[in-house]
Protein backbone atom coordinates (compact mmCIF):
# COMPACT_ATOMS: atom_id res chain seq x y z
CA UNK A 1 -0.03 0.01 -0.10
CA UNK A 2 2.86 2.25 0.77
CA UNK A 3 4.36 1.63 -2.60
CA UNK A 4 1.19 2.67 -4.28
CA UNK A 5 0.94 5.83 -2.24
CA UNK A 6 4.65 6.73 -2.88
CA UNK A 7 3.96 6.33 -6.66
CA UNK A 8 7.48 5.27 -7.40
CA UNK A 9 9.00 8.65 -6.00
CA UNK A 10 6.64 10.79 -7.72
CA UNK A 11 4.03 11.09 -4.97
CA UNK A 12 4.12 14.78 -4.67
CA UNK A 13 3.51 15.40 -8.34
CA UNK A 14 0.94 12.81 -8.66
CA UNK A 15 -1.20 13.55 -5.60
CA UNK A 16 -0.86 17.36 -6.18
CA UNK A 17 -2.14 16.80 -9.78
CA UNK A 18 -4.95 14.65 -8.42
CA UNK A 19 -5.98 17.43 -5.80
CA UNK A 20 -5.80 20.23 -8.23
CA UNK A 21 -7.96 18.28 -10.76
CA UNK A 22 -10.53 17.57 -7.95
CA UNK A 23 -10.32 21.21 -6.89
CA UNK A 24 -11.08 22.37 -10.53
CA UNK A 25 -13.81 19.85 -11.07
CA UNK A 26 -15.48 20.99 -7.62
CA UNK A 27 -15.32 24.65 -8.81
CA UNK A 28 -16.86 23.77 -12.26
CA UNK A 29 -19.59 21.74 -10.54
CA UNK A 30 -20.38 24.56 -7.81
CA UNK A 31 -19.98 27.76 -9.86
CA UNK A 32 -23.05 27.28 -12.16
CA UNK A 33 -25.18 26.42 -9.06
CA UNK A 34 -24.18 29.62 -7.34
CA UNK A 35 -24.59 31.78 -10.52
CA UNK A 36 -28.16 30.19 -11.11
CA UNK A 37 -29.23 31.17 -7.44
CA UNK A 38 -27.90 34.62 -7.95
CA UNK A 39 -29.56 35.21 -11.08
CA UNK A 40 -32.91 33.76 -9.72
CA UNK A 41 -32.60 36.36 -6.79
CA UNK A 42 -31.93 39.14 -9.22
CA UNK A 43 -34.90 38.17 -11.39
CA UNK A 44 -37.20 37.93 -8.34
CA UNK A 45 -35.93 41.33 -7.20
CA UNK A 46 -36.76 42.83 -10.66
CA UNK A 47 -40.13 41.26 -10.46
CA UNK A 48 -41.02 42.54 -7.12
CA UNK A 49 -39.88 46.11 -8.03
CA UNK A 50 -42.07 45.82 -11.28
CA UNK A 51 -45.12 44.64 -9.12
CA UNK A 52 -44.62 47.47 -6.59
CA UNK A 53 -44.30 50.19 -9.38
CA UNK A 54 -47.38 48.88 -11.22
CA UNK A 55 -49.73 51.02 -9.24
CA UNK A 56 -47.62 54.09 -9.58
CA UNK A 57 -47.79 54.28 -13.57
CA UNK A 58 -49.97 57.00 -15.05
């Protein structure tokens, strides 16, 4: 098992590459979710503003 984790002397390079790849994939997974929630909140705020201003139009 330690031989596998040591990766033939290249453990730092291999595991840092795996870690960096996992980090990038996590960001690519989470970022659209966060952007969608933000866009949804902005759309609701615009809708609420339009509904509030509806009675003020001539």
